[in-house]
Amino acid sequence: MSKLKVEHGASKINLVPLKTNIEGSISQDIELMATWSDNDRKYIVNELLRFALAQEEGFQKHKASVAAKASQPASVATSVSPPAKSAPVAMPKSDISAVIRA
């Protein structure tokens, strides 16, 4: 099993807002970990989420398949050219009359 590693004083990262509610006991533990590691709570939450997501094998497989599909060039699906329209075969007039007479 992997271990969560929290770097001390490493909370200087770009953040995007995520609005959610968490249980009081979890909030207290996050606050305690933030104080212990000299990091912002936001950093601790990010590290915990990153760790949890990395541990979920089913999610990692899904993430890889989505990334693989997204990286396929769009031209692959459209690179097959439509079949060329065949021009009508021109028959010599003498052949046409032979077909009509038959």
PDB file of N, CA and C in Angstrom:
ATOM      1  N   MET A   1       0.836  -1.177   0.000  1.00  0.00           N
ATOM      2  CA  MET A   1       0.000   0.000   0.000  1.00  0.00           C
ATOM      3  C   MET A   1       0.880   1.239   0.000  1.00  0.00           C
ATOM      4  N   SER A   2       0.536   2.221  -0.778  1.00  0.00           N
ATOM      5  CA  SER A   2       1.282   3.470  -0.840  1.00  0.00           C
ATOM      6  C   SER A   2       1.052   4.289   0.414  1.00  0.00           C
ATOM      7  N   LYS A   3       1.956   5.223   0.635  1.00  0.00           N
ATOM      8  CA  LYS A   3       1.818   6.107   1.780  1.00  0.00           C
ATOM      9  C   LYS A   3       1.611   7.528   1.281  1.00  0.00           C
ATOM     10  N   LEU A   4       0.830   8.271   2.031  1.00  0.00           N
ATOM     11  CA  LEU A   4       0.626   9.681   1.745  1.00  0.00           C
ATOM     12  C   LEU A   4       1.824  10.434   2.267  1.00  0.00           C
ATOM     13  N   LYS A   5       2.420  11.281   1.437  1.00  0.00           N
ATOM     14  CA  LYS A   5       3.548  12.086   1.864  1.00  0.00           C
ATOM     15  C   LYS A   5       3.172  13.552   1.697  1.00  0.00           C
ATOM     16  N   VAL A   6       3.185  14.263   2.799  1.00  0.00           N
ATOM     17  CA  VAL A   6       2.881  15.688   2.784  1.00  0.00           C
ATOM     18  C   VAL A   6       4.185  16.432   3.014  1.00  0.00           C
ATOM     19  N   GLU A   7       4.560  17.255   2.046  1.00  0.00           N
ATOM     20  CA  GLU A   7       5.779  18.046   2.182  1.00  0.00           C
ATOM     21  C   GLU A   7       5.505  19.238   3.085  1.00  0.00           C
ATOM     22  N   HIS A   8       6.424  19.520   3.957  1.00  0.00           N
ATOM     23  CA  HIS A   8       6.276  20.649   4.867  1.00  0.00           C
ATOM     24  C   HIS A   8       6.509  21.954   4.117  1.00  0.00           C
ATOM     25  N   GLY A   9       5.577  22.884   4.269  1.00  0.00           N
ATOM     26  CA  GLY A   9       5.705  24.209   3.670  1.00  0.00           C
ATOM     27  C   GLY A   9       5.607  24.246   2.159  1.00  0.00           C
ATOM     28  N   ALA A  10       4.890  23.317   1.551  1.00  0.00           N
ATOM     29  CA  ALA A  10       4.839  23.227   0.084  1.00  0.00           C
ATOM     30  C   ALA A  10       3.492  23.646  -0.493  1.00  0.00           C
ATOM     31  N   SER A  11       2.771  24.520   0.174  1.00  0.00           N
ATOM     32  CA  SER A  11       1.399  24.811  -0.247  1.00  0.00           C
ATOM     33  C   SER A  11       1.267  25.956  -1.239  1.00  0.00           C
ATOM     34  N   LYS A  12       2.288  26.277  -1.948  1.00  0.00           N
ATOM     35  CA  LYS A  12       2.217  27.368  -2.930  1.00  0.00           C
ATOM     36  C   LYS A  12       1.893  26.803  -4.308  1.00  0.00           C
ATOM     37  N   ILE A  13       0.612  26.548  -4.551  1.00  0.00           N
ATOM     38  CA  ILE A  13       0.168  25.975  -5.821  1.00  0.00           C
ATOM     39  C   ILE A  13      -1.028  26.753  -6.340  1.00  0.00           C
ATOM     40  N   ASN A  14      -1.310  26.618  -7.627  1.00  0.00           N
ATOM     41  CA  ASN A  14      -2.469  27.260  -8.240  1.00  0.00           C
ATOM     42  C   ASN A  14      -3.726  26.490  -7.847  1.00  0.00           C
ATOM     43  N   LEU A  15      -4.734  27.197  -7.356  1.00  0.00           N
ATOM     44  CA  LEU A  15      -5.944  26.545  -6.874  1.00  0.00           C
ATOM     45  C   LEU A  15      -7.175  26.979  -7.660  1.00  0.00           C
ATOM     46  N   VAL A  16      -8.139  26.078  -7.757  1.00  0.00           N
ATOM     47  CA  VAL A  16      -9.430  26.328  -8.378  1.00  0.00           C
ATOM     48  C   VAL A  16     -10.490  26.078  -7.309  1.00  0.00           C
ATOM     49  N   PRO A  17     -11.473  26.945  -7.170  1.00  0.00           N
ATOM     50  CA  PRO A  17     -12.477  26.763  -6.111  1.00  0.00           C
ATOM     51  C   PRO A  17     -13.275  25.470  -6.270  1.00  0.00           C
ATOM     52  N   LEU A  18     -13.525  24.824  -5.139  1.00  0.00           N
ATOM     53  CA  LEU A  18     -14.362  23.627  -5.079  1.00  0.00           C
ATOM     54  C   LEU A  18     -15.255  23.793  -3.863  1.00  0.00           C
ATOM     55  N   LYS A  19     -16.522  23.987  -4.099  1.00  0.00           N
ATOM     56  CA  LYS A  19     -17.448  24.202  -2.989  1.00  0.00           C
ATOM     57  C   LYS A  19     -18.039  22.873  -2.562  1.00  0.00           C
ATOM     58  N   THR A  20     -17.813  22.534  -1.296  1.00  0.00           N
ATOM     59  CA  THR A  20     -18.333  21.288  -0.753  1.00  0.00           C
ATOM     60  C   THR A  20     -18.409  21.386   0.767  1.00  0.00           C
ATOM     61  N   ASN A  21     -19.093  20.460   1.364  1.00  0.00           N
ATOM     62  CA  ASN A  21     -19.168  20.377   2.821  1.00  0.00           C
ATOM     63  C   ASN A  21     -18.522  19.073   3.253  1.00  0.00           C
ATOM     64  N   ILE A  22     -17.794  19.120   4.373  1.00  0.00           N
ATOM     65  CA  ILE A  22     -17.177  17.913   4.902  1.00  0.00           C
ATOM     66  C   ILE A  22     -17.572  17.749   6.361  1.00  0.00           C
ATOM     67  N   GLU A  23     -17.397  16.548   6.865  1.00  0.00           N
ATOM     68  CA  GLU A  23     -17.729  16.257   8.253  1.00  0.00           C
ATOM     69  C   GLU A  23     -16.820  17.035   9.198  1.00  0.00           C
ATOM     70  N   GLY A  24     -17.352  17.382  10.352  1.00  0.00           N
ATOM     71  CA  GLY A  24     -16.599  18.152  11.337  1.00  0.00           C
ATOM     72  C   GLY A  24     -15.322  17.476  11.788  1.00  0.00           C
ATOM     73  N   SER A  25     -15.369  16.159  12.007  1.00  0.00           N
ATOM     74  CA  SER A  25     -14.173  15.447  12.468  1.00  0.00           C
ATOM     75  C   SER A  25     -13.076  15.453  11.404  1.00  0.00           C
ATOM     76  N   ILE A  26     -13.480  15.356  10.140  1.00  0.00           N
ATOM     77  CA  ILE A  26     -12.500  15.401   9.052  1.00  0.00           C
ATOM     78  C   ILE A  26     -11.896  16.803   8.972  1.00  0.00           C
ATOM     79  N   SER A  27     -12.731  17.807   9.121  1.00  0.00           N
ATOM     80  CA  SER A  27     -12.244  19.184   9.100  1.00  0.00           C
ATOM     81  C   SER A  27     -11.219  19.418  10.204  1.00  0.00           C
ATOM     82  N   GLN A  28     -11.480  18.878  11.381  1.00  0.00           N
ATOM     83  CA  GLN A  28     -10.542  19.031  12.499  1.00  0.00           C
ATOM     84  C   GLN A  28      -9.217  18.335  12.206  1.00  0.00           C
ATOM     85  N   ASP A  29      -9.295  17.141  11.615  1.00  0.00           N
ATOM     86  CA  ASP A  29      -8.067  16.424  11.267  1.00  0.00           C
ATOM     87  C   ASP A  29      -7.277  17.169  10.195  1.00  0.00           C
ATOM     88  N   ILE A  30      -7.974  17.742   9.222  1.00  0.00           N
ATOM     89  CA  ILE A  30      -7.297  18.512   8.176  1.00  0.00           C
ATOM     90  C   ILE A  30      -6.608  19.732   8.794  1.00  0.00           C
ATOM     91  N   GLU A  31      -7.291  20.400   9.690  1.00  0.00           N
ATOM     92  CA  GLU A  31      -6.713  21.562  10.363  1.00  0.00           C
ATOM     93  C   GLU A  31      -5.478  21.148  11.167  1.00  0.00           C
ATOM     94  N   LEU A  32      -5.570  20.041  11.875  1.00  0.00           N
ATOM     95  CA  LEU A  32      -4.438  19.546  12.663  1.00  0.00           C
ATOM     96  C   LEU A  32      -3.258  19.183  11.763  1.00  0.00           C
ATOM     97  N   MET A  33      -3.543  18.520  10.634  1.00  0.00           N
ATOM     98  CA  MET A  33      -2.484  18.157   9.697  1.00  0.00           C
ATOM     99  C   MET A  33      -1.850  19.402   9.081  1.00  0.00           C
ATOM    100  N   ALA A  34      -2.660  20.399   8.789  1.00  0.00           N
ATOM    101  CA  ALA A  34      -2.142  21.651   8.230  1.00  0.00           C
ATOM    102  C   ALA A  34      -1.191  22.321   9.215  1.00  0.00           C
ATOM    103  N   THR A  35      -1.577  22.347  10.476  1.00  0.00           N
ATOM    104  CA  THR A  35      -0.722  22.945  11.503  1.00  0.00           C
ATOM    105  C   THR A  35       0.562  22.139  11.664  1.00  0.00           C
ATOM    106  N   TRP A  36       0.427  20.825  11.728  1.00  0.00           N
ATOM    107  CA  TRP A  36       1.569  19.936  11.888  1.00  0.00           C
ATOM    108  C   TRP A  36       2.574  20.073  10.744  1.00  0.00           C
ATOM    109  N   SER A  37       2.064  20.223   9.498  1.00  0.00           N
ATOM    110  CA  SER A  37       2.939  20.241   8.324  1.00  0.00           C
ATOM    111  C   SER A  37       3.323  21.648   7.872  1.00  0.00           C
ATOM    112  N   ASP A  38       2.804  22.659   8.545  1.00  0.00           N
ATOM    113  CA  ASP A  38       3.059  24.047   8.162  1.00  0.00           C
ATOM    114  C   ASP A  38       2.597  24.319   6.729  1.00  0.00           C
ATOM    115  N   ASN A  39       1.381  23.890   6.430  1.00  0.00           N
ATOM    116  CA  ASN A  39       0.769  24.084   5.113  1.00  0.00           C
ATOM    117  C   ASN A  39      -0.640  24.634   5.276  1.00  0.00           C
ATOM    118  N   ASP A  40      -1.162  25.187   4.194  1.00  0.00           N
ATOM    119  CA  ASP A  40      -2.559  25.624   4.165  1.00  0.00           C
ATOM    120  C   ASP A  40      -3.471  24.403   4.174  1.00  0.00           C
ATOM    121  N   ARG A  41      -4.677  24.591   4.669  1.00  0.00           N
ATOM    122  CA  ARG A  41      -5.677  23.514   4.616  1.00  0.00           C
ATOM    123  C   ARG A  41      -5.954  23.115   3.177  1.00  0.00           C
ATOM    124  N   LYS A  42      -5.978  24.102   2.297  1.00  0.00           N
ATOM    125  CA  LYS A  42      -6.251  23.814   0.883  1.00  0.00           C
ATOM    126  C   LYS A  42      -5.234  22.828   0.319  1.00  0.00           C
ATOM    127  N   TYR A  43      -3.979  23.027   0.671  1.00  0.00           N
ATOM    128  CA  TYR A  43      -2.928  22.125   0.193  1.00  0.00           C
ATOM    129  C   TYR A  43      -3.158  20.712   0.730  1.00  0.00           C
ATOM    130  N   ILE A  44      -3.495  20.610   2.005  1.00  0.00           N
ATOM    131  CA  ILE A  44      -3.735  19.302   2.620  1.00  0.00           C
ATOM    132  C   ILE A  44      -4.893  18.595   1.921  1.00  0.00           C
ATOM    133  N   VAL A  45      -5.977  19.314   1.680  1.00  0.00           N
ATOM    134  CA  VAL A  45      -7.134  18.729   0.990  1.00  0.00           C
ATOM    135  C   VAL A  45      -6.725  18.253  -0.395  1.00  0.00           C
ATOM    136  N   ASN A  46      -5.954  19.051  -1.126  1.00  0.00           N
ATOM    137  CA  ASN A  46      -5.498  18.648  -2.454  1.00  0.00           C
ATOM    138  C   ASN A  46      -4.643  17.391  -2.400  1.00  0.00           C
ATOM    139  N   GLU A  47      -3.732  17.322  -1.451  1.00  0.00           N
ATOM    140  CA  GLU A  47      -2.870  16.145  -1.341  1.00  0.00           C
ATOM    141  C   GLU A  47      -3.671  14.901  -0.969  1.00  0.00           C
ATOM    142  N   LEU A  48      -4.614  15.057  -0.066  1.00  0.00           N
ATOM    143  CA  LEU A  48      -5.459  13.913   0.308  1.00  0.00           C
ATOM    144  C   LEU A  48      -6.291  13.429  -0.874  1.00  0.00           C
ATOM    145  N   LEU A  49      -6.860  14.351  -1.624  1.00  0.00           N
ATOM    146  CA  LEU A  49      -7.651  13.964  -2.791  1.00  0.00           C
ATOM    147  C   LEU A  49      -6.771  13.329  -3.867  1.00  0.00           C
ATOM    148  N   ARG A  50      -5.602  13.905  -4.105  1.00  0.00           N
ATOM    149  CA  ARG A  50      -4.677  13.355  -5.096  1.00  0.00           C
ATOM    150  C   ARG A  50      -4.293  11.923  -4.708  1.00  0.00           C
ATOM    151  N   PHE A  51      -3.997  11.715  -3.440  1.00  0.00           N
ATOM    152  CA  PHE A  51      -3.635  10.392  -2.940  1.00  0.00           C
ATOM    153  C   PHE A  51      -4.790   9.405  -3.129  1.00  0.00           C
ATOM    154  N   ALA A  52      -5.990   9.816  -2.734  1.00  0.00           N
ATOM    155  CA  ALA A  52      -7.157   8.929  -2.844  1.00  0.00           C
ATOM    156  C   ALA A  52      -7.446   8.578  -4.300  1.00  0.00           C
ATOM    157  N   LEU A  53      -7.362   9.542  -5.186  1.00  0.00           N
ATOM    158  CA  LEU A  53      -7.621   9.286  -6.605  1.00  0.00           C
ATOM    159  C   LEU A  53      -6.578   8.347  -7.201  1.00  0.00           C
ATOM    160  N   ALA A  54      -5.328   8.501  -6.787  1.00  0.00           N
ATOM    161  CA  ALA A  54      -4.256   7.643  -7.305  1.00  0.00           C
ATOM    162  C   ALA A  54      -4.429   6.203  -6.830  1.00  0.00           C
ATOM    163  N   GLN A  55      -5.051   5.995  -5.684  1.00  0.00           N
ATOM    164  CA  GLN A  55      -5.224   4.658  -5.124  1.00  0.00           C
ATOM    165  C   GLN A  55      -6.378   3.891  -5.758  1.00  0.00           C
ATOM    166  N   GLU A  56      -7.292   4.575  -6.389  1.00  0.00           N
ATOM    167  CA  GLU A  56      -8.479   3.927  -6.960  1.00  0.00           C
ATOM    168  C   GLU A  56      -8.156   3.398  -8.358  1.00  0.00           C
ATOM    169  N   GLU A  57      -7.899   2.100  -8.457  1.00  0.00           N
ATOM    170  CA  GLU A  57      -7.472   1.490  -9.717  1.00  0.00           C
ATOM    171  C   GLU A  57      -8.519   1.609 -10.811  1.00  0.00           C
ATOM    172  N   GLY A  58      -9.780   1.396 -10.474  1.00  0.00           N
ATOM    173  CA  GLY A  58     -10.837   1.498 -11.482  1.00  0.00           C
ATOM    174  C   GLY A  58     -10.907   2.885 -12.084  1.00  0.00           C
ATOM    175  N   PHE A  59     -10.767   3.892 -11.243  1.00  0.00           N
ATOM    176  CA  PHE A  59     -10.786   5.264 -11.744  1.00  0.00           C
ATOM    177  C   PHE A  59      -9.564   5.533 -12.619  1.00  0.00           C
ATOM    178  N   GLN A  60      -8.398   5.041 -12.222  1.00  0.00           N
ATOM    179  CA  GLN A  60      -7.184   5.265 -13.006  1.00  0.00           C
ATOM    180  C   GLN A  60      -7.292   4.638 -14.393  1.00  0.00           C
ATOM    181  N   LYS A  61      -7.901   3.468 -14.478  1.00  0.00           N
ATOM    182  CA  LYS A  61      -8.116   2.828 -15.780  1.00  0.00           C
ATOM    183  C   LYS A  61      -9.069   3.660 -16.630  1.00  0.00           C
ATOM    184  N   HIS A  62     -10.131   4.144 -16.017  1.00  0.00           N
ATOM    185  CA  HIS A  62     -11.095   4.982 -16.735  1.00  0.00           C
ATOM    186  C   HIS A  62     -10.421   6.271 -17.215  1.00  0.00           C
ATOM    187  N   LYS A  63      -9.637   6.889 -16.362  1.00  0.00           N
ATOM    188  CA  LYS A  63      -8.934   8.126 -16.711  1.00  0.00           C
ATOM    189  C   LYS A  63      -7.999   7.893 -17.894  1.00  0.00           C
ATOM    190  N   ALA A  64      -7.278   6.775 -17.884  1.00  0.00           N
ATOM    191  CA  ALA A  64      -6.363   6.445 -18.978  1.00  0.00           C
ATOM    192  C   ALA A  64      -7.111   6.216 -20.286  1.00  0.00           C
ATOM    193  N   SER A  65      -8.266   5.547 -20.216  1.00  0.00           N
ATOM    194  CA  SER A  65      -9.022   5.300 -21.449  1.00  0.00           C
ATOM    195  C   SER A  65      -9.603   6.590 -22.007  1.00  0.00           C
ATOM    196  N   VAL A  66     -10.043   7.487 -21.141  1.00  0.00           N
ATOM    197  CA  VAL A  66     -10.560   8.784 -21.599  1.00  0.00           C
ATOM    198  C   VAL A  66      -9.439   9.594 -22.234  1.00  0.00           C
ATOM    199  N   ALA A  67      -8.263   9.580 -21.621  1.00  0.00           N
ATOM    200  CA  ALA A  67      -7.121  10.312 -22.166  1.00  0.00           C
ATOM    201  C   ALA A  67      -6.699   9.731 -23.514  1.00  0.00           C
ATOM    202  N   ALA A  68      -6.748   8.412 -23.644  1.00  0.00           N
ATOM    203  CA  ALA A  68      -6.371   7.774 -24.904  1.00  0.00           C
ATOM    204  C   ALA A  68      -7.340   8.154 -26.018  1.00  0.00           C
ATOM    205  N   LYS A  69      -8.623   8.180 -25.695  1.00  0.00           N
ATOM    206  CA  LYS A  69      -9.622   8.559 -26.700  1.00  0.00           C
ATOM    207  C   LYS A  69      -9.462  10.022 -27.092  1.00  0.00           C
ATOM    208  N   ALA A  70      -9.163  10.865 -26.126  1.00  0.00           N
ATOM    209  CA  ALA A  70      -9.019  12.297 -26.405  1.00  0.00           C
ATOM    210  C   ALA A  70      -7.765  12.590 -27.215  1.00  0.00           C
ATOM    211  N   SER A  71      -6.739  11.747 -27.087  1.00  0.00           N
ATOM    212  CA  SER A  71      -5.497  12.002 -27.802  1.00  0.00           C
ATOM    213  C   SER A  71      -5.519  11.494 -29.237  1.00  0.00           C
ATOM    214  N   GLN A  72      -6.532  10.710 -29.592  1.00  0.00           N
ATOM    215  CA  GLN A  72      -6.628  10.240 -30.975  1.00  0.00           C
ATOM    216  C   GLN A  72      -6.996  11.413 -31.859  1.00  0.00           C
ATOM    217  N   PRO A  73      -6.250  11.603 -32.960  1.00  0.00           N
ATOM    218  CA  PRO A  73      -6.581  12.721 -33.842  1.00  0.00           C
ATOM    219  C   PRO A  73      -7.959  12.545 -34.465  1.00  0.00           C
ATOM    220  N   ALA A  74      -8.655  13.636 -34.602  1.00  0.00           N
ATOM    221  CA  ALA A  74      -9.993  13.598 -35.183  1.00  0.00           C
ATOM    222  C   ALA A  74      -9.953  13.145 -36.635  1.00  0.00           C
ATOM    223  N   SER A  75      -8.820  13.360 -37.305  1.00  0.00           N
ATOM    224  CA  SER A  75      -8.719  12.988 -38.713  1.00  0.00           C
ATOM    225  C   SER A  75      -8.727  11.484 -38.925  1.00  0.00           C
ATOM    226  N   VAL A  76      -8.441  10.699 -37.881  1.00  0.00           N
ATOM    227  CA  VAL A  76      -8.444   9.244 -38.033  1.00  0.00           C
ATOM    228  C   VAL A  76      -9.836   8.769 -38.426  1.00  0.00           C
ATOM    229  N   ALA A  77     -10.844   9.313 -37.790  1.00  0.00           N
ATOM    230  CA  ALA A  77     -12.208   8.895 -38.082  1.00  0.00           C
ATOM    231  C   ALA A  77     -12.655   9.359 -39.463  1.00  0.00           C
ATOM    232  N   THR A  78     -12.140  10.474 -39.920  1.00  0.00           N
ATOM    233  CA  THR A  78     -12.584  11.012 -41.201  1.00  0.00           C
ATOM    234  C   THR A  78     -11.555  10.799 -42.308  1.00  0.00           C
ATOM    235  N   SER A  79     -10.453  10.090 -42.025  1.00  0.00           N
ATOM    236  CA  SER A  79      -9.421   9.937 -43.033  1.00  0.00           C
ATOM    237  C   SER A  79      -9.830   8.985 -44.147  1.00  0.00           C
ATOM    238  N   VAL A  80     -10.809   8.158 -43.914  1.00  0.00           N
ATOM    239  CA  VAL A  80     -11.281   7.245 -44.946  1.00  0.00           C
ATOM    240  C   VAL A  80     -12.119   8.052 -45.925  1.00  0.00           C
ATOM    241  N   SER A  81     -11.643   8.118 -47.154  1.00  0.00           N
ATOM    242  CA  SER A  81     -12.370   8.913 -48.138  1.00  0.00           C
ATOM    243  C   SER A  81     -13.583   8.146 -48.619  1.00  0.00           C
ATOM    244  N   PRO A  82     -14.647   8.866 -48.941  1.00  0.00           N
ATOM    245  CA  PRO A  82     -15.835   8.183 -49.439  1.00  0.00           C
ATOM    246  C   PRO A  82     -15.536   7.518 -50.772  1.00  0.00           C
ATOM    247  N   PRO A  83     -16.239   6.457 -51.088  1.00  0.00           N
ATOM    248  CA  PRO A  83     -15.978   5.784 -52.365  1.00  0.00           C
ATOM    249  C   PRO A  83     -16.206   6.746 -53.530  1.00  0.00           C
ATOM    250  N   ALA A  84     -15.333   6.628 -54.504  1.00  0.00           N
ATOM    251  CA  ALA A  84     -15.448   7.493 -55.674  1.00  0.00           C
ATOM    252  C   ALA A  84     -16.696   7.131 -56.457  1.00  0.00           C
ATOM    253  N   LYS A  85     -17.396   8.138 -56.917  1.00  0.00           N
ATOM    254  CA  LYS A  85     -18.583   7.883 -57.728  1.00  0.00           C
ATOM    255  C   LYS A  85     -18.119   7.407 -59.102  1.00  0.00           C
ATOM    256  N   SER A  86     -18.648   6.295 -59.486  1.00  0.00           N
ATOM    257  CA  SER A  86     -18.235   5.778 -60.786  1.00  0.00           C
ATOM    258  C   SER A  86     -19.026   6.475 -61.885  1.00  0.00           C
ATOM    259  N   ALA A  87     -18.317   6.837 -62.870  1.00  0.00           N
ATOM    260  CA  ALA A  87     -18.958   7.496 -64.009  1.00  0.00           C
ATOM    261  C   ALA A  87     -19.706   6.435 -64.803  1.00  0.00           C
ATOM    262  N   PRO A  88     -20.842   6.803 -65.348  1.00  0.00           N
ATOM    263  CA  PRO A  88     -21.574   5.823 -66.159  1.00  0.00           C
ATOM    264  C   PRO A  88     -20.705   5.370 -67.327  1.00  0.00           C
ATOM    265  N   VAL A  89     -20.778   4.103 -67.576  1.00  0.00           N
ATOM    266  CA  VAL A  89     -19.992   3.557 -68.668  1.00  0.00           C
ATOM    267  C   VAL A  89     -20.652   3.969 -69.977  1.00  0.00           C
ATOM    268  N   ALA A  90     -19.878   4.612 -70.819  1.00  0.00           N
ATOM    269  CA  ALA A  90     -20.413   5.044 -72.114  1.00  0.00           C
ATOM    270  C   ALA A  90     -20.295   3.885 -73.090  1.00  0.00           C
ATOM    271  N   MET A  91     -21.396   3.524 -73.588  1.00  0.00           N
ATOM    272  CA  MET A  91     -21.380   2.440 -74.563  1.00  0.00           C
ATOM    273  C   MET A  91     -21.426   3.051 -75.954  1.00  0.00           C
ATOM    274  N   PRO A  92     -20.684   2.472 -76.873  1.00  0.00           N
ATOM    275  CA  PRO A  92     -20.767   2.974 -78.251  1.00  0.00           C
ATOM    276  C   PRO A  92     -22.189   2.805 -78.773  1.00  0.00           C
ATOM    277  N   LYS A  93     -22.574   3.685 -79.637  1.00  0.00           N
ATOM    278  CA  LYS A  93     -23.939   3.660 -80.156  1.00  0.00           C
ATOM    279  C   LYS A  93     -24.289   2.330 -80.802  1.00  0.00           C
ATOM    280  N   SER A  94     -23.336   1.713 -81.424  1.00  0.00           N
ATOM    281  CA  SER A  94     -23.639   0.442 -82.077  1.00  0.00           C
ATOM    282  C   SER A  94     -23.994  -0.619 -81.037  1.00  0.00           C
ATOM    283  N   ASP A  95     -23.343  -0.581 -79.869  1.00  0.00           N
ATOM    284  CA  ASP A  95     -23.649  -1.544 -78.810  1.00  0.00           C
ATOM    285  C   ASP A  95     -25.030  -1.285 -78.229  1.00  0.00           C
ATOM    286  N   ILE A  96     -25.394  -0.017 -78.072  1.00  0.00           N
ATOM    287  CA  ILE A  96     -26.699   0.331 -77.530  1.00  0.00           C
ATOM    288  C   ILE A  96     -27.795  -0.205 -78.446  1.00  0.00           C
ATOM    289  N   SER A  97     -27.621  -0.031 -79.717  1.00  0.00           N
ATOM    290  CA  SER A  97     -28.655  -0.518 -80.642  1.00  0.00           C
ATOM    291  C   SER A  97     -28.751  -2.033 -80.609  1.00  0.00           C
ATOM    292  N   ALA A  98     -27.618  -2.693 -80.368  1.00  0.00           N
ATOM    293  CA  ALA A  98     -27.641  -4.146 -80.288  1.00  0.00           C
ATOM    294  C   ALA A  98     -28.387  -4.594 -79.055  1.00  0.00           C
ATOM    295  N   VAL A  99     -28.265  -3.858 -77.934  1.00  0.00           N
ATOM    296  CA  VAL A  99     -28.962  -4.192 -76.706  1.00  0.00           C
ATOM    297  C   VAL A  99     -30.448  -3.937 -76.875  1.00  0.00           C
ATOM    298  N   ILE A 100     -30.809  -2.859 -77.566  1.00  0.00           N
ATOM    299  CA  ILE A 100     -32.220  -2.522 -77.757  1.00  0.00           C
ATOM    300  C   ILE A 100     -32.883  -3.581 -78.634  1.00  0.00           C
ATOM    301  N   ARG A 101     -32.196  -4.057 -79.638  1.00  0.00           N
ATOM    302  CA  ARG A 101     -32.772  -5.021 -80.544  1.00  0.00           C
ATOM    303  C   ARG A 101     -32.936  -6.383 -79.880  1.00  0.00           C
ATOM    304  N   ALA A 102     -32.176  -6.652 -78.883  1.00  0.00           N
ATOM    305  CA  ALA A 102     -32.203  -7.979 -78.278  1.00  0.00           C
ATOM    306  C   ALA A 102     -33.402  -8.246 -77.455  1.00  0.00           C
TER     307      ALA A 102
END
